[in-house]
Protein backbone atom coordinates (compact mmCIF):
# COMPACT_ATOMS: atom_id res chain seq x y z
CA MET A 1 59.28 53.07 10.24
CA SER A 2 56.85 54.16 12.94
CA ILE A 3 57.58 56.80 15.60
CA ALA A 4 57.65 54.01 18.19
CA GLU A 5 60.40 52.22 16.23
CA TRP A 6 62.41 55.45 16.01
CA TRP A 7 62.43 55.80 19.80
CA ASP A 8 63.64 52.21 20.03
CA ILE A 9 66.94 53.12 18.28
CA PRO A 10 69.87 53.09 20.78
CA GLY A 11 70.43 56.86 21.13
CA PRO A 12 66.81 57.97 21.66
CA SER A 13 66.14 54.85 23.73
CA ARG A 14 69.02 55.65 26.08
CA PHE A 15 67.74 59.22 26.37
CA LEU A 16 64.29 58.03 27.51
CA ASP A 17 65.78 55.60 30.01
CA LYS A 18 68.11 58.24 31.39
CA ALA A 19 65.21 60.67 31.83
CA TRP A 20 63.25 58.16 33.93
CA ALA A 21 66.38 57.15 35.86
CA LEU A 22 66.87 60.81 36.83
CA ALA A 23 63.20 61.05 37.76
CA GLY A 24 63.60 58.05 40.03
CA GLU A 25 66.59 59.69 41.72
CA TYR A 26 65.54 63.33 41.92
CA ALA A 27 61.72 63.08 41.54
CA VAL A 28 61.51 66.24 39.43
CA VAL A 29 63.38 66.43 36.10
CA GLY A 30 63.50 69.08 33.38
CA ILE A 31 64.16 68.19 29.72
CA ALA A 32 65.14 70.71 27.05
CA ALA A 33 64.93 69.69 23.39
CA PRO A 34 64.60 71.33 19.95
CA VAL A 35 61.03 72.14 18.89
CA SER A 36 60.58 69.13 16.58
CA ILE A 37 61.84 66.68 19.23
CA ALA A 38 59.93 68.36 22.08
CA GLU A 39 56.66 67.78 20.22
CA ALA A 40 57.14 64.00 20.13
CA LEU A 41 59.04 63.54 23.38
CA PRO A 42 56.16 63.52 25.95
CA LEU A 43 54.32 60.65 24.27
CA ALA A 44 57.58 58.66 23.96
CA LEU A 45 58.38 59.25 27.65
CA ALA A 46 54.91 58.12 28.68
CA ASP A 47 55.05 55.00 26.52
CA ARG A 48 58.49 54.07 27.87
CA ALA A 49 57.27 54.40 31.48
CA ARG A 50 54.24 52.22 30.77
CA ASP A 51 56.12 49.56 28.82
CA LEU A 52 59.29 49.22 30.85
CA HIS A 53 58.60 50.67 34.28
CA ARG A 54 54.99 49.48 34.63
CA ALA A 55 54.03 52.86 36.05
CA ARG A 56 50.69 54.65 35.88
CA VAL A 57 51.56 57.64 33.71
CA TYR A 58 49.63 60.89 33.37
CA GLU A 59 50.31 63.30 30.54
CA MET A 60 49.48 66.92 31.39
CA ASP A 61 49.08 69.68 28.80
CA ALA A 62 50.18 72.90 30.50
CA LEU A 63 48.47 75.09 27.91
CA ARG A 64 45.10 73.50 28.65
CA ILE A 65 45.60 73.89 32.39
CA GLY A 66 46.22 77.58 31.78
CA ARG A 67 46.58 79.74 34.89
CA ARG A 68 45.26 77.24 37.43
CA PRO A 69 47.76 76.28 40.17
CA PRO A 70 49.77 73.31 38.87
CA ALA A 71 49.49 71.34 42.13
CA GLN A 72 45.70 71.63 42.07
CA ALA A 73 45.38 70.76 38.36
CA ILE A 74 47.56 67.67 38.65
CA ALA A 75 45.85 66.48 41.86
CA ARG A 76 42.46 66.51 40.16
CA ARG A 77 43.73 64.11 37.47
CA ILE A 78 44.49 61.27 39.88
CA PRO A 79 41.93 59.31 41.93
CA GLU A 80 43.67 59.83 45.26
CA GLY A 81 43.73 63.62 44.77
CA SER A 82 40.09 64.06 43.83
CA GLY A 83 38.20 66.12 46.43
CA ARG A 84 41.33 67.03 48.39
CA LYS A 85 42.32 70.62 48.98
CA VAL A 86 45.60 70.96 47.16
CA ASN A 87 47.15 74.36 46.51
CA THR A 88 50.85 73.99 47.28
CA ALA A 89 53.64 71.56 46.58
CA SER A 90 53.49 70.34 50.19
CA ASP A 91 49.74 69.68 49.82
CA PHE A 92 50.43 67.73 46.65
CA LEU A 93 53.08 65.54 48.28
CA GLY A 94 50.53 64.58 50.93
CA ILE A 95 48.43 62.67 48.42
CA PRO A 96 48.65 58.88 49.01
CA ARG A 97 50.29 56.45 46.55
CA LEU A 98 52.24 59.12 44.66
CA ASP A 99 55.16 56.72 44.42
CA LYS A 100 52.97 54.64 42.07
CA ARG A 101 52.40 57.57 39.74
CA ALA A 102 54.47 59.22 37.01
CA PHE A 103 53.74 62.53 35.30
CA VAL A 104 54.86 64.10 32.02
CA ILE A 105 54.16 67.83 31.72
CA ARG A 106 54.22 69.19 28.15
CA ASN A 107 53.53 72.41 26.27
CA ILE A 108 54.99 74.75 28.87
CA ASP A 109 55.52 78.06 27.07
CA ARG A 110 57.28 81.21 28.23
CA ASP A 111 54.02 82.86 29.42
CA ILE A 112 53.28 80.18 32.01
CA TRP A 113 56.83 79.00 32.65
CA ARG A 114 57.28 81.09 35.81
CA MET A 115 54.30 79.39 37.47
CA TRP A 116 55.45 75.88 36.53
CA GLY A 117 59.07 76.68 37.35
CA MET A 118 58.12 77.79 40.84
CA PHE A 119 56.03 74.62 41.29
CA ALA A 120 59.00 72.44 40.24
CA ARG A 121 61.33 74.30 42.62
CA ASP A 122 58.87 74.11 45.55
CA LEU A 123 58.18 70.44 44.83
CA ARG A 124 61.90 69.63 44.82
CA ARG A 125 62.49 71.49 48.11
CA ALA A 126 59.46 70.00 49.83
CA ALA A 127 60.41 66.53 48.66
CA LYS A 128 63.85 66.88 50.25
CA GLU A 129 62.43 68.06 53.55
CA GLU A 130 59.23 66.08 54.01
CA CYS A 131 58.97 62.97 51.84
CA GLU A 132 60.70 59.67 51.30
CA ILE A 133 58.11 58.34 48.85
CA LEU A 134 57.99 60.56 45.79
CA PRO A 135 56.27 60.72 42.43
CA GLN A 136 58.32 60.81 39.20
CA MET A 137 57.67 64.00 37.29
CA ILE A 138 59.25 65.11 33.99
CA PHE A 139 58.78 68.58 32.53
CA THR A 140 59.50 69.22 28.83
CA LEU A 141 60.78 72.79 28.86
CA PRO A 142 60.59 75.75 26.49
CA PRO A 143 63.78 75.62 24.36
CA ASP A 144 64.64 79.30 24.91
CA LEU A 145 64.93 79.23 28.71
CA PRO A 146 68.21 80.51 30.15
CA ASP A 147 70.19 77.87 31.99
CA ARG A 148 70.07 79.84 35.22
CA GLU A 149 66.26 79.63 35.31
CA ILE A 150 66.29 75.90 34.55
CA PHE A 151 68.91 75.14 37.18
CA SER A 152 67.05 77.31 39.72
CA SER A 153 63.96 75.11 39.38
CA PHE A 154 65.47 71.66 38.93
CA GLY A 155 69.10 71.83 40.03
CA ARG A 156 71.95 71.00 37.68
CA LYS A 157 71.86 67.24 38.10
CA ALA A 158 68.17 66.85 37.26
CA VAL A 159 68.30 68.58 33.87
CA LEU A 160 68.65 66.66 30.61
CA LYS A 161 69.35 68.38 27.30
CA TRP A 162 68.90 66.85 23.84
CA ILE A 163 72.38 67.37 22.40
CA GLY A 164 74.41 64.65 20.68
CA VAL A 165 71.72 62.04 21.30
CA ILE A 166 71.75 60.73 17.71
CA ASP A 167 75.09 59.21 16.67
CA ARG A 168 76.38 57.48 13.56
CA LEU A 169 75.28 54.04 14.76
CA ASP A 170 71.73 55.31 15.24
CA CYS A 171 71.72 56.70 11.69
CA THR A 172 73.00 53.41 10.30
CA ILE A 173 70.32 51.43 12.13
CA TRP A 174 67.66 53.93 11.04
CA HIS A 175 68.80 53.67 7.40
CA ASP A 176 68.92 49.88 7.38
CA ARG A 177 65.45 49.59 8.87
CA ARG A 178 64.15 51.77 6.08
CA LYS A 179 66.11 50.02 3.36
CA SER A 180 67.67 46.59 3.04
CA SER A 181 71.36 46.23 3.88
CA PRO A 182 73.53 47.26 0.92
CA ALA A 183 75.42 44.82 -1.28
CA GLY A 184 78.20 45.92 -3.60
CA LEU A 185 80.33 49.03 -3.80
CA ILE A 186 77.66 51.35 -5.25
CA SER A 187 75.03 50.52 -2.62
CA ARG A 188 77.49 50.71 0.27
CA LEU A 189 78.76 54.06 -0.94
CA ALA A 190 75.22 55.40 -1.38
CA ARG A 191 74.36 54.43 2.20
CA GLU A 192 77.53 55.89 3.72
CA THR A 193 77.14 59.17 1.80
CA SER A 194 73.50 59.52 2.83
CA ILE A 195 74.37 58.95 6.49
CA GLU A 196 77.31 61.37 6.41
CA VAL A 197 75.29 64.08 4.66
CA ALA A 198 72.19 63.70 6.85
CA GLY A 199 74.03 63.47 10.17
CA PRO A 200 71.58 63.56 13.10
CA ASN A 201 68.75 64.77 10.82
CA THR A 202 66.88 61.49 10.42
CA THR A 203 64.13 63.20 8.42
CA LEU A 204 66.72 64.15 5.79
CA LEU A 205 68.20 60.66 5.95
CA GLU A 206 64.81 59.13 5.30
CA GLY A 207 64.39 61.38 2.27
CA LEU A 208 67.78 60.40 0.87
CA THR A 209 67.01 56.68 1.10
CA VAL A 210 64.23 56.95 -1.49
CA ILE A 211 66.20 58.67 -4.27
CA ASP A 212 68.33 56.74 -6.76
CA GLU A 213 71.87 55.71 -5.83
CA LYS A 214 73.53 58.12 -8.24
CA ALA A 215 71.82 61.05 -6.50
CA GLN A 216 72.76 59.61 -3.09
CA ILE A 217 76.43 59.45 -4.09
CA GLU A 218 76.32 62.98 -5.61
CA PRO A 219 73.61 64.62 -3.42
CA TRP A 220 74.39 68.35 -3.83
CA GLN A 221 71.85 69.17 -6.55
CA GLU A 222 69.13 67.17 -4.82
CA LEU A 223 69.60 69.11 -1.58
CA ARG A 224 69.76 72.43 -3.42
CA ARG A 225 66.34 71.72 -4.94
CA HIS A 226 64.60 70.95 -1.66
CA ALA A 227 66.56 72.69 1.12
CA ASN A 228 64.42 75.84 1.30
CA LEU A 229 61.31 73.80 2.05
CA PHE A 230 62.86 72.72 5.36
CA VAL A 231 65.05 75.69 6.26
CA HIS A 232 62.99 78.71 5.22
CA GLY A 233 62.00 80.91 8.17
CA LYS A 234 64.09 78.99 10.70
CA GLU A 235 67.07 80.25 12.63
CA VAL A 236 70.28 78.29 12.32
CA CYS A 237 70.31 77.27 15.96
CA TRP A 238 69.78 74.33 18.26
CA ARG A 239 66.21 75.41 19.08
CA ASP A 240 65.07 74.90 15.47
CA GLY A 241 67.02 71.67 15.09
CA LEU A 242 69.51 72.97 12.51
CA VAL A 243 72.58 72.67 14.74
CA ASP A 244 73.38 69.69 16.93
CA GLU A 245 76.36 67.66 18.06
CA TRP A 246 77.37 64.65 15.98
CA ASP A 247 80.54 62.61 16.27
CA ASP A 248 81.51 64.73 19.28
CA ALA A 249 81.52 68.04 17.37
CA PRO A 250 78.94 70.78 16.65
CA ARG A 251 77.40 70.29 13.24
CA ILE A 252 75.30 72.59 11.07
CA ASP A 253 72.63 70.75 9.11
CA SER A 254 73.58 69.97 5.49
CA LEU A 255 70.35 71.64 4.35
CA VAL A 256 71.71 74.93 5.69
CA LEU A 257 74.93 74.46 3.70
CA ALA A 258 72.83 73.88 0.59
CA VAL A 259 70.74 77.03 1.15
CA ARG A 260 73.88 79.09 1.75
CA ASP A 261 75.61 77.55 -1.28
CA GLN A 262 78.53 76.42 0.92
CA ARG A 263 79.50 73.64 -1.44
CA ALA A 264 83.11 73.30 -0.32
CA GLU A 265 82.07 72.53 3.26
CA PHE A 266 79.33 70.21 2.00
CA GLU A 267 81.74 68.25 -0.20
CA LYS A 268 84.04 67.64 2.75
CA ARG A 269 81.22 65.56 4.22
CA VAL A 270 80.73 63.70 0.95
CA TRP A 271 84.50 63.13 0.72
CA ARG A 272 84.56 61.63 4.24
CA ALA A 273 81.89 59.14 3.21
CA HIS A 274 83.60 58.25 -0.05
CA SER A 275 86.96 57.80 1.69
CA ALA A 276 85.46 55.52 4.34
CA ILE A 277 84.16 53.08 1.71
CA VAL A 278 86.45 53.42 -1.32
CA PHE A 279 89.88 53.44 0.36
CA PRO A 280 89.21 49.96 1.84
CA TYR A 281 87.84 48.88 -1.55
CA VAL A 282 91.09 49.94 -3.24
CA GLU A 283 92.95 47.96 -0.59
CA GLU A 284 90.82 44.93 -1.50
CA ILE A 285 91.94 45.40 -5.11
CA ARG A 286 95.59 45.61 -4.07
CA ALA A 287 95.27 42.44 -2.00
CA MET A 288 93.49 40.67 -4.86
CA ILE A 289 96.28 41.48 -7.33
CA VAL A 290 98.87 40.32 -4.79
CA ARG A 291 97.01 37.00 -4.40
CA ARG A 292 96.87 36.53 -8.16
CA HIS A 293 100.64 36.99 -8.48
CA ARG A 294 101.67 35.69 -5.07
CA ALA A 295 104.02 32.99 -6.32
CA TYR A 296 106.10 35.45 -8.34
CA LEU A 297 106.07 38.12 -5.61
CA ASP A 298 107.24 35.59 -3.04
CA SER A 299 110.12 34.67 -5.33
CA ILE A 300 111.48 38.25 -5.50
CA MET A 301 111.16 39.22 -1.85
CA PRO A 302 112.72 41.31 -0.38
CA TRP A 303 112.17 44.04 -2.98
CA THR A 304 113.52 47.59 -2.81
CA ASN A 305 111.59 50.54 -4.20
CA ALA A 306 114.29 52.89 -5.44
CA TYR A 307 111.82 55.60 -6.48
CA TYR A 308 111.65 57.09 -2.99
CA THR A 309 114.26 59.57 -1.74
CA LEU A 310 115.05 56.95 0.88
CA PRO A 311 114.69 53.48 -0.69
CA GLN A 312 111.91 51.40 0.86
CA VAL A 313 112.46 47.67 1.38
CA ARG A 314 109.43 45.38 1.15
CA GLU A 315 110.01 42.14 3.03
CA HIS A 316 106.62 40.57 2.28
CA PRO A 317 104.06 40.90 -0.56
CA SER A 318 101.50 42.27 1.91
CA GLU A 319 103.70 45.38 2.31
CA ILE A 320 103.63 46.27 -1.40
CA ASP A 321 101.60 49.38 -2.27
CA ILE A 322 99.22 49.29 -5.22
CA THR A 323 101.36 51.84 -7.09
CA GLU A 324 104.39 49.58 -6.65
CA LEU A 325 102.57 46.61 -8.16
CA GLN A 326 102.72 48.27 -11.58
CA ALA A 327 106.48 48.63 -11.38
CA ILE A 328 107.07 45.14 -10.00
CA LEU A 329 104.72 43.12 -12.18
CA GLY A 330 104.99 45.07 -15.44
CA ASN A 331 103.96 42.85 -18.37
CA ARG A 332 102.91 40.07 -16.00
CA LEU A 333 99.73 42.07 -15.45
CA SER A 334 96.85 41.24 -17.76
CA ARG A 335 95.21 44.06 -19.70
CA GLU A 336 92.23 43.98 -17.32
CA GLU A 337 94.48 44.07 -14.24
CA ARG A 338 96.46 46.98 -15.64
CA ALA A 339 93.27 48.96 -16.42
CA LEU A 340 91.92 48.30 -12.92
CA ILE A 341 95.11 49.40 -11.16
CA THR A 342 95.47 52.50 -13.34
CA HIS A 343 91.90 53.62 -12.65
CA ALA A 344 92.22 52.88 -8.93
CA ILE A 345 95.38 55.00 -8.69
CA CYS A 346 94.84 57.82 -11.19
CA LYS A 347 91.11 58.45 -10.78
CA ILE A 348 90.20 57.15 -7.36
CA ARG A 349 93.14 57.46 -4.97
CA HIS A 350 94.34 60.70 -6.56
CA LYS A 351 90.97 62.41 -6.02
CA LEU A 352 90.53 61.12 -2.50
CA ALA A 353 94.11 62.04 -1.56
CA HIS A 354 93.29 65.64 -2.54
CA MET A 355 90.05 65.60 -0.50
CA SER A 356 87.82 65.62 -3.58
CA PRO A 357 84.63 63.53 -3.65
CA LEU A 358 84.21 60.98 -6.42
CA SER A 359 81.71 61.01 -9.25
CA TYR A 360 79.20 58.22 -9.69
CA GLU A 361 80.82 57.34 -13.02
CA ASP A 362 84.26 57.00 -11.37
CA VAL A 363 82.93 54.57 -8.79
CA GLU A 364 80.80 52.59 -11.24
CA LYS A 365 83.82 52.11 -13.52
CA LEU A 366 85.96 50.96 -10.58
CA ALA A 367 83.39 48.32 -9.62
CA THR A 368 83.00 47.20 -13.25
CA LEU A 369 86.75 46.88 -13.78
CA LYS A 370 87.13 44.87 -10.58
CA ASP A 371 84.38 42.51 -11.70
CA THR A 372 86.29 41.81 -14.94
CA VAL A 373 89.31 40.64 -12.97
CA SER A 374 88.34 37.29 -11.52
CA ALA A 375 90.46 36.19 -8.60
CA PRO A 376 90.54 32.79 -6.94
CA ALA A 377 89.27 32.65 -3.40
CA PRO A 378 92.15 32.85 -0.92
CA GLU A 379 90.79 29.70 0.71
CA ILE A 380 91.00 27.62 -2.49
CA GLY A 381 91.60 23.97 -1.67
CA TRP A 382 90.86 24.31 2.04
CA ASP A 383 88.70 21.17 2.01
CA TRP A 384 90.83 19.15 -0.41
CA PRO A 385 92.60 15.97 0.71
CA ARG A 386 96.37 16.56 0.82
CA CYS A 387 97.37 13.25 -0.68
CA GLY A 388 100.24 14.28 -2.92
CA GLN A 389 98.22 15.15 -6.02
CA ARG A 390 100.07 17.08 -8.74
CA LEU A 391 99.14 19.41 -11.56
CA ILE A 392 100.97 18.48 -14.79
CA MET A 393 100.96 21.01 -17.61
CA MET A 394 102.07 20.01 -21.09
CA ILE A 395 103.82 22.88 -22.90
CA GLY A 396 104.79 23.03 -26.56
CA SER A 397 103.73 24.30 -29.95
CA PRO A 398 101.30 22.32 -32.15
CA ALA A 399 102.64 19.04 -33.57
CA SER A 400 105.49 18.95 -31.07
CA GLY A 401 104.41 15.60 -29.62
CA LYS A 402 102.70 16.65 -26.37
CA THR A 403 99.70 14.36 -26.75
CA THR A 404 101.85 11.35 -27.57
CA TRP A 405 104.07 11.97 -24.56
CA VAL A 406 101.28 12.51 -22.04
CA ARG A 407 99.41 9.39 -23.16
CA GLN A 408 102.57 7.31 -22.85
CA HIS A 409 103.34 8.49 -19.32
CA HIS A 410 99.96 9.05 -17.62
CA ASP A 411 96.67 7.30 -17.04
CA PRO A 412 94.05 8.53 -19.54
CA ALA A 413 91.68 9.14 -16.58
CA ILE A 414 93.73 12.12 -15.40
CA ILE A 415 94.36 13.71 -18.84
CA VAL A 416 92.28 16.77 -19.74
CA SER A 417 92.80 17.67 -23.40
CA SER A 418 91.62 20.94 -24.93
CA ASP A 419 91.48 19.27 -28.37
CA ASP A 420 89.26 16.49 -27.01
CA ILE A 421 86.90 19.07 -25.51
CA ARG A 422 86.66 20.92 -28.85
CA GLU A 423 85.89 17.62 -30.59
CA GLY A 424 83.33 16.52 -28.03
CA HIS A 425 81.62 19.92 -27.80
CA PRO A 426 81.43 21.38 -31.32
CA GLU A 427 79.06 24.12 -30.09
CA ILE A 428 81.96 25.79 -28.23
CA ALA A 429 84.87 24.59 -30.38
CA ALA A 430 85.52 28.07 -31.77
CA ASN A 431 85.18 29.77 -28.37
CA ASN A 432 88.61 29.50 -26.78
CA ALA A 433 87.46 31.01 -23.45
CA ALA A 434 84.60 28.52 -23.13
CA VAL A 435 86.87 25.58 -23.97
CA PHE A 436 89.43 26.46 -21.33
CA LYS A 437 86.77 27.20 -18.75
CA MET A 438 85.69 23.58 -19.19
CA VAL A 439 89.32 22.47 -18.99
CA ARG A 440 89.76 24.22 -15.66
CA GLN A 441 86.50 22.82 -14.30
CA ARG A 442 87.60 19.25 -15.05
CA VAL A 443 91.10 19.79 -13.64
CA HIS A 444 89.65 21.33 -10.50
CA TRP A 445 87.39 18.32 -10.03
CA LEU A 446 90.31 15.88 -10.39
CA LEU A 447 92.56 17.71 -7.92
CA LYS A 448 89.74 18.25 -5.44
CA ASN A 449 89.11 14.51 -5.41
CA GLY A 450 92.75 13.72 -4.68
CA SER A 451 93.87 12.76 -8.18
CA ASP A 452 96.70 14.09 -10.32
CA ALA A 453 95.60 16.14 -13.31
CA ALA A 454 97.47 16.51 -16.59
CA ILE A 455 96.46 19.30 -18.98
CA ASP A 456 97.16 18.64 -22.64
CA ALA A 457 97.30 22.08 -24.29
CA THR A 458 99.95 24.36 -25.79
CA HIS A 459 100.28 26.80 -22.84
CA LEU A 460 102.52 29.07 -24.86
CA LYS A 461 101.32 32.34 -23.29
CA ALA A 462 102.39 33.30 -19.77
CA ASP A 463 98.86 34.44 -18.89
CA ASP A 464 97.46 31.05 -19.93
CA ARG A 465 99.97 29.20 -17.78
CA LEU A 466 99.18 31.51 -14.86
CA GLU A 467 95.44 30.85 -15.18
CA GLN A 468 96.07 27.10 -15.08
CA ARG A 469 98.35 27.32 -12.02
CA ARG A 470 95.65 29.26 -10.20
CA ILE A 471 93.41 26.21 -10.30
CA ALA A 472 95.40 24.68 -7.46
CA PRO A 473 96.37 25.99 -4.01
CA ASN A 474 100.00 26.76 -3.26
CA TRP A 475 100.65 23.41 -1.59
CA VAL A 476 99.93 21.48 -4.82
CA PRO A 477 103.15 21.03 -6.84
CA VAL A 478 103.09 21.94 -10.53
CA GLU A 479 105.14 20.22 -13.22
CA TYR A 480 105.81 21.78 -16.60
CA VAL A 481 106.47 19.07 -19.19
CA VAL A 482 108.06 20.91 -22.10
CA VAL A 483 108.01 18.94 -25.34
CA ASP A 484 109.86 20.18 -28.42
CA ARG A 485 111.40 19.03 -31.66
CA PRO A 486 112.72 20.67 -34.85
CA LEU A 487 110.32 22.70 -36.99
CA GLU A 488 110.81 20.43 -40.01
CA ASP A 489 109.57 17.45 -37.94
CA LYS A 490 106.50 19.40 -36.85
CA LEU A 491 105.69 20.33 -40.44
CA ARG A 492 106.19 16.73 -41.55
CA ASP A 493 103.71 15.39 -38.97
CA GLY A 494 101.36 18.41 -38.86
CA GLY A 495 98.48 16.50 -40.46
CA TRP A 496 95.10 18.20 -40.15
CA ARG A 497 96.65 21.32 -38.64
CA LEU A 498 98.30 22.17 -41.96
CA GLU A 499 94.96 22.03 -43.73
CA ARG A 500 92.85 23.81 -41.11
CA ARG A 501 95.10 26.83 -40.70
CA PRO A 502 98.14 27.20 -42.96
CA GLY A 503 101.08 28.86 -41.21
CA LEU A 504 99.86 27.98 -37.70
CA ILE A 505 102.69 25.56 -36.91
CA GLU A 506 105.40 28.04 -37.98
CA GLU A 507 103.73 30.87 -36.05
CA GLN A 508 103.30 28.88 -32.84
CA HIS A 509 106.84 27.49 -33.10
CA GLU A 510 108.14 31.07 -33.11
CA VAL A 511 105.95 31.99 -30.10
CA PHE A 512 107.35 29.02 -28.21
CA GLN A 513 110.94 29.99 -28.95
CA LEU A 514 110.33 33.57 -27.72
CA GLY A 515 108.86 32.37 -24.42
CA LYS A 516 111.10 29.36 -23.93
CA GLU A 517 113.41 31.00 -21.40
CA ALA A 518 110.54 31.93 -19.05
CA ILE A 519 108.97 28.48 -19.48
CA LEU A 520 112.18 26.65 -18.58
CA ALA A 521 112.52 28.94 -15.55
CA GLY A 522 109.07 27.84 -14.36
CA ASP A 523 107.76 31.41 -14.78
CA GLY A 524 109.48 32.27 -11.52
CA ASP A 525 106.95 30.19 -9.55
CA PRO A 526 108.86 28.33 -6.81
CA ARG A 527 106.44 25.40 -6.78
CA VAL A 528 107.01 24.64 -10.50
CA THR A 529 109.44 21.96 -11.61
CA VAL A 530 110.33 21.64 -15.29
CA THR A 531 110.83 18.48 -17.33
CA HIS A 532 112.27 19.23 -20.78
CA THR A 533 111.99 16.40 -23.27
CA LYS A 534 112.16 15.89 -27.01
CA ALA A 535 109.46 13.86 -28.69
CA ARG A 536 110.40 10.98 -30.96
C-alpha cells in the first residue's frame, strides 16, 4: 500500500480534513505529531488541499529558510509577493489574493521555533484586527514544545495533536488492503491477533501480515526477535511514537513489552483477540449441535439443570449452554460431536475463561473437529414446495420383510433401496458411508421435487435414523414403518444373506430387539409417527 493510500484510511483522512477545516476558520493552525508522523504529514496535508480543496499550496521548509524573517521568506515564494517589501505579519497580510493560497510550514526545530512562533502569533492577531480575507497556514510543530508556548502562538482552538487518530477500524482496513479478507477460523484469528498486538502501529501490523498464521496467532517469539531493531535508542513516549491512545486508552507499543519481557501484559492483548473470535465460534458450535438435535430438545423442554446451587430452567433449546448439551444429550451425541464439545469446553473455553491465550494447535484442532461434524443448513427446504410430501423410513433387521412390504404399499418411483444401490454400483458396495450418501442424495431430490420418499434400509442404529431424518426440514412428517417377525422365519427365508455372512441375521435381530423401545417411541421426535406391522 502506498503512503497516499494510508492517508486515505478513515482516521488519518479525518485528521487531514480537520486540519484544513481549522485553517479555514482560524487561518493559522499548529499541528503536533510524533516524529515519524511529522515527517510524512506536510506532504499529505499539501496533497489533500490540492485534491479536495483545489487550493494553490506552498510547502515551506523552515530549516532551509534559516534565520530570514518568515513573512519575507514566504512572500518571495508567491507571485503576488515578489518585489514587495514584506517584513512583518501586517505587511504579509497586505499581499493580494492570499485567500487563494495555502501554506504548509515544516521542519521547524527548537532553534528557530521562537521566530516562527512569534510570526504565527503576530499573524493571528493582525488577521483578527485587519483582515477578512485570510490565507490558510498550517505549521507542523516540534514535538517537544510545551503546551503553553503552542497555545500562546496559535490559541487553544487552533491546535491539533496526533493522539488517538488511528483506531481499530483503521487497522482492520489497513490489514485487509494488504492482505485478502480472511476465511475460516485460523485466518480470522490470525488477523484479529495481529491487529490487537499492533494497535496503532501500522508499521508493525504490516510486518505481522507477512509472517505465517501460526506466528500471527502466537506472536511473542517473533516480536522478541525483532523488537530491538525498532525500539533501541528511543524513549518510551509519545514523541517517539511508542505510546499513543487506542480504543480510548493510553497504550504502550507491543514492541516495548517485548523488549522489556513483559509477557503477561502482552498476552492480555493476545487473549483479547482470541476471545473476540473464538468465543463466538464456540457459540456457533453450540448452535450447530442444538440444530442437529432440535427435535429431541424440543420434546423435553422445559428442562431443569439441577447442577447449579439454584436450579436453572431452560424454556427453549436456544437457552441451553454447551456444557449442558453433554448432560442432556448423553449417548445421543455421535463420537465426533462428543469430541468437538469436549475440546470446545475443556481446552478452549476453560483457557479463555482464565484469561489465557490459546495455542495454534488448540485452535487448529477445534476447526478440524468442527469440520468433521457436518450439520444441515438451518434453511434446509426453504425453496421446497409444501405439498404434503412425507419421508417414510423402513425399519427392521435383515430378512424381516421390509422390502416386500414397501413394494406392496408404495410406488416403486419413490422407493430408495440401499441394497439396490449396492447392486447397481459395485464400486462402492463395500463402502457403507458412500452407499448411504447416495441414498440421502436421492431422497433429498424426491422430497425437494414434492414427492414422497421411502427409504428401504435396516435403520437399526439411532444415529442412522437421525441422519435420515435430517434430510428433511421440520415441517415434513416422518413415518417409521417397523417390520418384524420371529427369528426362525427370518432364518428360514434368509437366502443369500445366510451365505454371504453367517450369523448376520441373528446379530441384527438382537440389535433390533435392544433398540425396539426407542424405535417404537419415534426416537422422541415429535414429527415421527410409527406403524408397526408383521410381515407375512
